């Protein structure tokens, strides 16, 4: 029995999975096969699909059954598609919670060239940093957001009531 457990653990590690909770494994890498919007991706790993919410950021909405279209929503979504769609990314869990209330994995997304997707979107003014959630890169993300605000980039180029 111990041999089977060790073999299983080694197999999952080689497949790019991370043991987060007893009996639950989380992908540490995968292929981005769909972009829902600027901060939500569909990632395939180990023969399974996962909906991933980029940890620490919020991009404007592109519209849908429960949301209205927001300025810069399409631009943020298109930028995420250009950066991540069809690419193999790394996923890193930097919060005590691994999933949000909608069942999406909460992870930092690292692009093949080593850049942090969330950091890029904030720097370009296409995302804002989470305020209420605790996560490891919170201080950095808020500093980057302040710089984008000061430069009036993207979402920060319009008065708040118009965003």
N, C-alpha and C. Protein backbone atom coordinates (compact mmCIF):
# COMPACT_ATOMS: atom_id res chain seq x y z
N UNK A 1 0.82 -1.20 0.00
CA UNK A 1 0.00 0.00 0.00
C UNK A 1 0.87 1.26 0.00
N UNK A 2 1.93 1.25 0.77
CA UNK A 2 2.82 2.41 0.82
C UNK A 2 3.46 2.64 -0.54
N UNK A 3 3.84 1.55 -1.20
CA UNK A 3 4.44 1.68 -2.53
C UNK A 3 3.48 2.35 -3.51
N UNK A 4 2.21 1.98 -3.44
CA UNK A 4 1.21 2.57 -4.32
C UNK A 4 1.08 4.06 -4.04
N UNK A 5 1.05 4.45 -2.77
CA UNK A 5 0.93 5.87 -2.41
C UNK A 5 2.14 6.66 -2.88
N UNK A 6 3.33 6.10 -2.72
CA UNK A 6 4.55 6.78 -3.17
C UNK A 6 4.54 6.90 -4.69
N UNK A 7 4.17 5.83 -5.38
CA UNK A 7 4.10 5.86 -6.84
C UNK A 7 3.11 6.91 -7.31
N UNK A 8 1.96 6.99 -6.65
CA UNK A 8 0.94 7.99 -7.00
C UNK A 8 1.49 9.40 -6.80
N UNK A 9 2.14 9.66 -5.68
CA UNK A 9 2.70 10.99 -5.39
C UNK A 9 3.76 11.38 -6.41
N UNK A 10 4.62 10.45 -6.79
CA UNK A 10 5.65 10.72 -7.78
C UNK A 10 5.01 11.01 -9.13
N UNK A 11 4.03 10.22 -9.50
CA UNK A 11 3.32 10.42 -10.77
C UNK A 11 2.67 11.80 -10.83
N UNK A 12 2.01 12.20 -9.76
CA UNK A 12 1.35 13.51 -9.73
C UNK A 12 2.39 14.64 -9.78
N UNK A 13 3.49 14.47 -9.11
CA UNK A 13 4.54 15.50 -9.14
C UNK A 13 5.10 15.66 -10.55
N UNK A 14 5.33 14.53 -11.23
CA UNK A 14 5.85 14.58 -12.59
C UNK A 14 4.83 15.16 -13.57
N UNK A 15 3.55 14.99 -13.27
CA UNK A 15 2.49 15.50 -14.13
C UNK A 15 2.23 16.99 -13.91
N UNK A 16 2.92 17.59 -12.94
CA UNK A 16 2.73 19.01 -12.68
C UNK A 16 1.58 19.30 -11.75
N UNK A 17 1.37 18.45 -10.77
CA UNK A 17 0.30 18.64 -9.81
C UNK A 17 0.90 18.91 -8.44
N UNK A 18 0.14 19.63 -7.63
CA UNK A 18 0.57 20.02 -6.29
C UNK A 18 -0.45 19.51 -5.29
N UNK A 19 -0.01 18.80 -4.26
CA UNK A 19 -0.92 18.32 -3.22
C UNK A 19 -1.29 19.45 -2.29
N UNK A 20 -2.50 19.94 -2.36
CA UNK A 20 -2.90 21.08 -1.55
C UNK A 20 -3.62 20.65 -0.29
N UNK A 21 -4.56 19.79 -0.44
CA UNK A 21 -5.35 19.30 0.67
C UNK A 21 -5.43 17.79 0.55
N UNK A 22 -5.71 17.14 1.64
CA UNK A 22 -5.81 15.68 1.61
C UNK A 22 -6.77 15.24 0.52
N UNK A 23 -6.28 14.45 -0.39
CA UNK A 23 -7.13 13.91 -1.45
C UNK A 23 -7.40 14.87 -2.60
N UNK A 24 -6.88 16.09 -2.54
CA UNK A 24 -7.12 17.06 -3.61
C UNK A 24 -5.79 17.50 -4.20
N UNK A 25 -5.69 17.46 -5.52
CA UNK A 25 -4.47 17.88 -6.19
C UNK A 25 -4.77 19.07 -7.08
N UNK A 26 -3.83 19.99 -7.10
CA UNK A 26 -3.99 21.21 -7.88
C UNK A 26 -2.92 21.25 -8.96
N UNK A 27 -3.27 21.67 -10.16
CA UNK A 27 -2.25 21.75 -11.22
C UNK A 27 -1.25 22.86 -10.95
N UNK A 28 0.00 22.62 -11.29
CA UNK A 28 1.03 23.65 -11.16
C UNK A 28 1.44 24.18 -12.54
N UNK A 29 0.91 23.57 -13.58
CA UNK A 29 1.14 24.06 -14.94
C UNK A 29 0.05 23.52 -15.83
N UNK A 30 -0.08 24.13 -17.00
CA UNK A 30 -1.08 23.66 -17.94
C UNK A 30 -1.15 24.54 -19.17
N UNK A 31 -1.96 24.12 -20.11
CA UNK A 31 -2.15 24.81 -21.36
C UNK A 31 -3.41 25.66 -21.29
N UNK A 32 -3.29 26.94 -21.62
CA UNK A 32 -4.46 27.83 -21.64
C UNK A 32 -5.22 27.55 -22.93
N UNK A 33 -6.44 27.04 -22.78
CA UNK A 33 -7.24 26.66 -23.95
C UNK A 33 -8.40 27.62 -24.21
N UNK A 34 -8.69 28.50 -23.24
CA UNK A 34 -9.78 29.46 -23.43
C UNK A 34 -9.57 30.62 -22.47
N UNK A 35 -9.94 31.81 -22.91
CA UNK A 35 -9.90 33.00 -22.07
C UNK A 35 -11.33 33.52 -21.95
N UNK A 36 -11.88 33.49 -20.74
CA UNK A 36 -13.24 33.96 -20.51
C UNK A 36 -13.28 35.48 -20.50
N UNK A 37 -12.31 36.08 -19.84
CA UNK A 37 -12.16 37.53 -19.77
C UNK A 37 -10.74 37.83 -19.32
N UNK A 38 -10.45 39.06 -18.94
CA UNK A 38 -9.09 39.43 -18.61
C UNK A 38 -8.48 38.71 -17.43
N UNK A 39 -9.31 38.22 -16.51
CA UNK A 39 -8.76 37.59 -15.31
C UNK A 39 -9.21 36.14 -15.09
N UNK A 40 -9.85 35.53 -16.07
CA UNK A 40 -10.32 34.15 -15.91
C UNK A 40 -9.98 33.32 -17.14
N UNK A 41 -9.31 32.19 -16.89
CA UNK A 41 -8.82 31.32 -17.96
C UNK A 41 -9.31 29.89 -17.77
N UNK A 42 -9.29 29.14 -18.86
CA UNK A 42 -9.51 27.70 -18.78
C UNK A 42 -8.17 27.05 -19.09
N UNK A 43 -7.68 26.25 -18.14
CA UNK A 43 -6.38 25.61 -18.26
C UNK A 43 -6.56 24.10 -18.24
N UNK A 44 -5.90 23.42 -19.18
CA UNK A 44 -5.91 21.96 -19.20
C UNK A 44 -4.60 21.44 -18.64
N UNK A 45 -4.73 20.48 -17.73
CA UNK A 45 -3.56 19.88 -17.10
C UNK A 45 -3.90 18.46 -16.68
N UNK A 46 -3.02 17.53 -16.98
CA UNK A 46 -3.23 16.15 -16.58
C UNK A 46 -4.52 15.55 -17.07
N UNK A 47 -4.96 15.95 -18.26
CA UNK A 47 -6.19 15.41 -18.82
C UNK A 47 -7.47 16.02 -18.25
N UNK A 48 -7.34 17.03 -17.44
CA UNK A 48 -8.51 17.70 -16.85
C UNK A 48 -8.50 19.18 -17.20
N UNK A 49 -9.68 19.80 -17.12
CA UNK A 49 -9.81 21.24 -17.36
C UNK A 49 -10.12 21.95 -16.04
N UNK A 50 -9.53 23.12 -15.88
CA UNK A 50 -9.72 23.91 -14.67
C UNK A 50 -10.02 25.35 -15.05
N UNK A 51 -10.98 25.94 -14.37
CA UNK A 51 -11.24 27.37 -14.53
C UNK A 51 -10.36 28.07 -13.50
N UNK A 52 -9.52 28.99 -13.96
CA UNK A 52 -8.55 29.65 -13.09
C UNK A 52 -8.82 31.15 -13.07
N UNK A 53 -8.96 31.69 -11.89
CA UNK A 53 -9.08 33.14 -11.69
C UNK A 53 -7.70 33.64 -11.30
N UNK A 54 -7.17 34.61 -12.03
CA UNK A 54 -5.84 35.14 -11.75
C UNK A 54 -5.87 35.80 -10.37
N UNK A 55 -5.04 35.32 -9.48
CA UNK A 55 -5.02 35.77 -8.09
C UNK A 55 -4.54 37.22 -7.97
N UNK A 56 -5.27 38.00 -7.21
CA UNK A 56 -4.84 39.35 -6.86
C UNK A 56 -5.28 40.46 -7.78
N UNK A 57 -5.97 40.14 -8.87
CA UNK A 57 -6.38 41.19 -9.80
C UNK A 57 -7.87 41.11 -10.13
N UNK A 58 -8.37 42.23 -10.62
CA UNK A 58 -9.73 42.30 -11.13
C UNK A 58 -9.71 43.15 -12.39
N UNK A 59 -10.16 42.57 -13.49
CA UNK A 59 -10.23 43.32 -14.75
C UNK A 59 -11.68 43.71 -15.02
N UNK A 60 -11.89 44.72 -15.85
CA UNK A 60 -13.26 45.11 -16.19
C UNK A 60 -13.99 43.95 -16.89
N UNK A 61 -15.30 43.94 -16.73
CA UNK A 61 -16.13 42.87 -17.28
C UNK A 61 -16.34 43.03 -18.78
N UNK A 62 -16.48 41.89 -19.46
CA UNK A 62 -16.77 41.91 -20.91
C UNK A 62 -18.25 41.73 -21.18
N UNK A 63 -19.03 41.55 -20.14
CA UNK A 63 -20.46 41.35 -20.28
C UNK A 63 -20.80 39.88 -20.29
N UNK A 64 -21.99 39.58 -19.91
CA UNK A 64 -22.43 38.20 -19.86
C UNK A 64 -23.79 38.13 -19.20
N UNK A 65 -24.22 36.93 -18.83
CA UNK A 65 -25.56 36.80 -18.26
C UNK A 65 -25.73 37.51 -16.92
N UNK A 66 -24.64 37.71 -16.18
CA UNK A 66 -24.75 38.32 -14.85
C UNK A 66 -23.99 39.64 -14.72
N UNK A 67 -23.35 40.08 -15.78
CA UNK A 67 -22.56 41.31 -15.70
C UNK A 67 -22.83 42.20 -16.92
N UNK A 68 -22.54 43.46 -16.75
CA UNK A 68 -22.67 44.39 -17.87
C UNK A 68 -21.27 44.66 -18.43
N UNK A 69 -21.21 45.11 -19.65
CA UNK A 69 -19.94 45.44 -20.28
C UNK A 69 -19.38 46.69 -19.60
N UNK A 70 -18.09 46.64 -19.27
CA UNK A 70 -17.43 47.78 -18.66
C UNK A 70 -16.33 48.29 -19.59
N UNK A 71 -16.05 49.61 -19.54
CA UNK A 71 -14.97 50.15 -20.36
C UNK A 71 -13.66 49.40 -20.09
N UNK A 72 -12.94 49.14 -21.13
CA UNK A 72 -11.65 48.43 -21.11
C UNK A 72 -11.78 46.93 -20.87
N UNK A 73 -13.00 46.42 -20.72
CA UNK A 73 -13.19 44.98 -20.53
C UNK A 73 -12.70 44.17 -21.72
N UNK A 74 -13.10 44.58 -22.91
CA UNK A 74 -12.68 43.88 -24.13
C UNK A 74 -11.17 43.99 -24.31
N UNK A 75 -10.61 45.16 -24.01
CA UNK A 75 -9.17 45.36 -24.16
C UNK A 75 -8.39 44.44 -23.19
N UNK A 76 -8.86 44.33 -21.96
CA UNK A 76 -8.19 43.46 -20.98
C UNK A 76 -8.29 42.00 -21.42
N UNK A 77 -9.46 41.61 -21.90
CA UNK A 77 -9.65 40.24 -22.38
C UNK A 77 -8.75 39.95 -23.58
N UNK A 78 -8.71 40.87 -24.53
CA UNK A 78 -7.87 40.68 -25.71
C UNK A 78 -6.39 40.60 -25.34
N UNK A 79 -5.99 41.41 -24.37
CA UNK A 79 -4.58 41.39 -23.95
C UNK A 79 -4.23 40.05 -23.30
N UNK A 80 -5.13 39.54 -22.48
CA UNK A 80 -4.91 38.24 -21.85
C UNK A 80 -4.84 37.14 -22.91
N UNK A 81 -5.70 37.22 -23.91
CA UNK A 81 -5.66 36.25 -25.01
C UNK A 81 -4.31 36.31 -25.72
N UNK A 82 -3.85 37.51 -26.02
CA UNK A 82 -2.58 37.67 -26.73
C UNK A 82 -1.40 37.12 -25.91
N UNK A 83 -1.47 37.29 -24.61
CA UNK A 83 -0.36 36.85 -23.74
C UNK A 83 -0.40 35.37 -23.40
N UNK A 84 -1.61 34.80 -23.23
CA UNK A 84 -1.69 33.47 -22.64
C UNK A 84 -2.35 32.37 -23.49
N UNK A 85 -3.28 32.73 -24.36
CA UNK A 85 -4.04 31.71 -25.08
C UNK A 85 -3.11 30.82 -25.92
N UNK A 86 -3.28 29.51 -25.76
CA UNK A 86 -2.49 28.55 -26.51
C UNK A 86 -1.09 28.33 -25.93
N UNK A 87 -0.84 28.91 -24.78
CA UNK A 87 0.50 28.80 -24.18
C UNK A 87 0.46 27.98 -22.90
N UNK A 88 1.58 27.37 -22.62
CA UNK A 88 1.73 26.59 -21.38
C UNK A 88 2.15 27.57 -20.29
N UNK A 89 1.38 27.61 -19.20
CA UNK A 89 1.64 28.54 -18.11
C UNK A 89 1.90 27.77 -16.81
N UNK A 90 2.54 28.46 -15.89
CA UNK A 90 2.72 27.91 -14.54
C UNK A 90 1.67 28.53 -13.64
N UNK A 91 1.18 27.76 -12.70
CA UNK A 91 0.20 28.23 -11.73
C UNK A 91 0.82 28.15 -10.35
N UNK A 92 0.68 29.23 -9.59
CA UNK A 92 1.23 29.27 -8.24
C UNK A 92 0.14 29.76 -7.30
N UNK A 93 0.00 29.07 -6.20
CA UNK A 93 -1.05 29.38 -5.24
C UNK A 93 -0.45 30.21 -4.12
N UNK A 94 -0.90 31.46 -3.98
CA UNK A 94 -0.31 32.38 -3.02
C UNK A 94 -1.29 32.90 -2.00
N UNK A 95 -2.32 32.13 -1.75
CA UNK A 95 -3.36 32.52 -0.80
C UNK A 95 -3.72 31.30 0.04
N UNK A 96 -4.34 31.53 1.17
CA UNK A 96 -4.78 30.41 2.01
C UNK A 96 -5.94 29.67 1.35
N UNK A 97 -6.67 30.37 0.50
CA UNK A 97 -7.78 29.75 -0.22
C UNK A 97 -7.31 29.35 -1.61
N UNK A 98 -7.65 28.16 -2.01
CA UNK A 98 -7.27 27.67 -3.34
C UNK A 98 -8.37 27.90 -4.37
N UNK A 99 -9.60 28.14 -3.89
CA UNK A 99 -10.73 28.35 -4.80
C UNK A 99 -11.55 29.54 -4.32
N UNK A 100 -12.23 30.18 -5.28
CA UNK A 100 -13.15 31.26 -4.91
C UNK A 100 -14.55 30.69 -4.72
N UNK A 101 -15.49 31.55 -4.45
CA UNK A 101 -16.87 31.09 -4.18
C UNK A 101 -17.55 30.47 -5.39
N UNK A 102 -16.98 30.66 -6.58
CA UNK A 102 -17.53 30.08 -7.80
C UNK A 102 -16.82 28.79 -8.19
N UNK A 103 -15.89 28.32 -7.35
CA UNK A 103 -15.17 27.08 -7.62
C UNK A 103 -13.97 27.22 -8.53
N UNK A 104 -13.61 28.45 -8.88
CA UNK A 104 -12.44 28.67 -9.73
C UNK A 104 -11.17 28.59 -8.88
N UNK A 105 -10.12 28.02 -9.46
CA UNK A 105 -8.84 28.02 -8.78
C UNK A 105 -8.31 29.45 -8.72
N UNK A 106 -7.70 29.82 -7.60
CA UNK A 106 -7.10 31.14 -7.43
C UNK A 106 -5.59 30.97 -7.51
N UNK A 107 -5.00 31.46 -8.59
CA UNK A 107 -3.56 31.23 -8.78
C UNK A 107 -2.92 32.39 -9.54
N UNK A 108 -1.64 32.62 -9.21
CA UNK A 108 -0.84 33.51 -10.04
C UNK A 108 -0.56 32.75 -11.31
N UNK A 109 -0.52 33.45 -12.43
CA UNK A 109 -0.26 32.82 -13.72
C UNK A 109 1.06 33.37 -14.26
N UNK A 110 2.01 32.46 -14.46
CA UNK A 110 3.30 32.85 -15.01
C UNK A 110 3.36 32.41 -16.46
N UNK A 111 3.63 33.35 -17.33
CA UNK A 111 3.70 33.10 -18.77
C UNK A 111 4.98 32.34 -19.12
N UNK A 112 5.05 31.75 -20.32
CA UNK A 112 6.24 30.98 -20.71
C UNK A 112 7.56 31.76 -20.64
N UNK A 113 7.48 33.08 -20.82
CA UNK A 113 8.70 33.90 -20.77
C UNK A 113 9.05 34.33 -19.34
N UNK A 114 8.29 33.85 -18.34
CA UNK A 114 8.58 34.13 -16.94
C UNK A 114 7.86 35.34 -16.37
N UNK A 115 7.09 36.05 -17.20
CA UNK A 115 6.38 37.23 -16.70
C UNK A 115 5.09 36.83 -15.98
N UNK A 116 4.73 37.61 -14.98
CA UNK A 116 3.53 37.42 -14.17
C UNK A 116 2.36 38.12 -14.88
N UNK A 117 1.35 37.36 -15.28
CA UNK A 117 0.21 37.91 -16.02
C UNK A 117 -0.49 39.01 -15.24
N UNK A 118 -0.76 38.78 -13.96
CA UNK A 118 -1.44 39.79 -13.15
C UNK A 118 -0.65 41.07 -13.06
N UNK A 119 0.64 40.94 -12.85
CA UNK A 119 1.51 42.11 -12.76
C UNK A 119 1.48 42.92 -14.06
N UNK A 120 1.53 42.22 -15.20
CA UNK A 120 1.49 42.90 -16.50
C UNK A 120 0.20 43.68 -16.69
N UNK A 121 -0.93 43.05 -16.37
CA UNK A 121 -2.22 43.71 -16.57
C UNK A 121 -2.38 44.92 -15.67
N UNK A 122 -1.90 44.84 -14.44
CA UNK A 122 -1.96 45.99 -13.54
C UNK A 122 -1.06 47.10 -14.07
N UNK A 123 0.16 46.77 -14.46
CA UNK A 123 1.13 47.75 -14.96
C UNK A 123 0.60 48.49 -16.19
N UNK A 124 -0.15 47.78 -17.03
CA UNK A 124 -0.69 48.38 -18.25
C UNK A 124 -2.02 49.11 -18.02
N UNK A 125 -2.49 49.12 -16.78
CA UNK A 125 -3.75 49.81 -16.48
C UNK A 125 -4.98 49.04 -16.91
N UNK A 126 -4.86 47.73 -17.06
CA UNK A 126 -6.00 46.90 -17.49
C UNK A 126 -6.59 46.08 -16.35
N UNK A 127 -6.06 46.26 -15.14
CA UNK A 127 -6.57 45.54 -13.97
C UNK A 127 -6.27 46.37 -12.73
N UNK A 128 -7.07 46.13 -11.71
CA UNK A 128 -6.77 46.73 -10.42
C UNK A 128 -6.47 45.62 -9.43
N UNK A 129 -5.74 45.96 -8.38
CA UNK A 129 -5.36 44.98 -7.37
C UNK A 129 -6.52 44.73 -6.42
N UNK A 130 -6.66 43.46 -6.00
CA UNK A 130 -7.67 43.12 -4.99
C UNK A 130 -7.40 43.91 -3.73
N UNK A 131 -8.45 44.32 -3.08
CA UNK A 131 -8.32 45.05 -1.82
C UNK A 131 -8.58 44.15 -0.62
N UNK A 132 -9.64 43.38 -0.65
CA UNK A 132 -10.08 42.65 0.55
C UNK A 132 -9.38 41.30 0.76
N UNK A 133 -8.99 40.66 -0.30
CA UNK A 133 -8.40 39.33 -0.19
C UNK A 133 -6.94 39.40 0.24
N UNK A 134 -6.51 38.43 1.03
CA UNK A 134 -5.09 38.32 1.39
C UNK A 134 -4.38 37.46 0.36
N UNK A 135 -3.24 37.95 -0.10
CA UNK A 135 -2.41 37.19 -1.03
C UNK A 135 -1.00 37.72 -0.95
N UNK A 136 -0.05 36.90 -1.31
CA UNK A 136 1.36 37.21 -1.11
C UNK A 136 1.90 38.42 -1.86
N UNK A 137 1.37 38.73 -3.00
CA UNK A 137 1.89 39.83 -3.82
C UNK A 137 1.09 41.11 -3.67
N UNK A 138 0.29 41.21 -2.63
CA UNK A 138 -0.62 42.34 -2.45
C UNK A 138 0.11 43.68 -2.43
N UNK A 139 1.17 43.78 -1.66
CA UNK A 139 1.90 45.04 -1.55
C UNK A 139 2.46 45.46 -2.92
N UNK A 140 3.08 44.52 -3.62
CA UNK A 140 3.63 44.80 -4.95
C UNK A 140 2.53 45.23 -5.91
N UNK A 141 1.43 44.50 -5.95
CA UNK A 141 0.35 44.82 -6.88
C UNK A 141 -0.24 46.21 -6.60
N UNK A 142 -0.35 46.58 -5.33
CA UNK A 142 -0.88 47.90 -5.00
C UNK A 142 0.09 49.00 -5.40
N UNK A 143 1.38 48.74 -5.28
CA UNK A 143 2.38 49.72 -5.73
C UNK A 143 2.31 49.90 -7.25
N UNK A 144 2.18 48.80 -7.96
CA UNK A 144 2.07 48.88 -9.42
C UNK A 144 0.79 49.59 -9.85
N UNK A 145 -0.29 49.34 -9.13
CA UNK A 145 -1.55 50.02 -9.44
C UNK A 145 -1.41 51.53 -9.22
N UNK A 146 -0.74 51.93 -8.14
CA UNK A 146 -0.55 53.36 -7.87
C UNK A 146 0.23 54.02 -9.01
N UNK A 147 1.21 53.31 -9.55
CA UNK A 147 1.99 53.85 -10.67
C UNK A 147 1.12 54.00 -11.93
N UNK A 148 0.29 53.00 -12.19
CA UNK A 148 -0.60 53.05 -13.36
C UNK A 148 -1.63 54.18 -13.20
N UNK A 149 -2.13 54.34 -11.98
CA UNK A 149 -3.08 55.43 -11.70
C UNK A 149 -2.43 56.79 -11.97
N UNK A 150 -1.22 56.94 -11.43
CA UNK A 150 -0.51 58.21 -11.57
C UNK A 150 -0.26 58.53 -13.05
N UNK A 151 0.05 57.50 -13.83
CA UNK A 151 0.30 57.68 -15.26
C UNK A 151 -0.99 57.75 -16.07
N UNK A 152 -2.14 57.52 -15.40
CA UNK A 152 -3.47 57.54 -16.03
C UNK A 152 -3.55 56.56 -17.20
N UNK A 153 -3.10 55.35 -16.97
CA UNK A 153 -3.12 54.31 -17.98
C UNK A 153 -4.44 53.53 -17.94
N UNK A 154 -4.91 53.12 -19.11
CA UNK A 154 -6.06 52.23 -19.20
C UNK A 154 -7.25 52.68 -18.37
N UNK A 155 -7.68 51.81 -17.45
CA UNK A 155 -8.87 52.10 -16.65
C UNK A 155 -8.72 53.36 -15.81
N UNK A 156 -7.51 53.78 -15.57
CA UNK A 156 -7.26 54.98 -14.76
C UNK A 156 -7.27 56.25 -15.61
N UNK A 157 -7.51 56.13 -16.91
CA UNK A 157 -7.54 57.31 -17.78
C UNK A 157 -8.89 58.01 -17.76
N UNK A 158 -9.88 57.36 -17.20
CA UNK A 158 -11.23 57.94 -17.13
C UNK A 158 -11.59 58.24 -15.67
N UNK A 159 -12.44 59.24 -15.46
CA UNK A 159 -12.93 59.49 -14.09
C UNK A 159 -13.65 58.26 -13.58
N UNK A 160 -13.61 58.01 -12.28
CA UNK A 160 -14.18 56.79 -11.67
C UNK A 160 -15.63 56.53 -12.09
N UNK A 161 -16.46 57.56 -12.12
CA UNK A 161 -17.87 57.37 -12.48
C UNK A 161 -18.06 56.89 -13.91
N UNK A 162 -17.05 57.09 -14.78
CA UNK A 162 -17.17 56.68 -16.18
C UNK A 162 -16.55 55.32 -16.44
N UNK A 163 -15.88 54.74 -15.45
CA UNK A 163 -15.25 53.44 -15.63
C UNK A 163 -16.24 52.33 -15.42
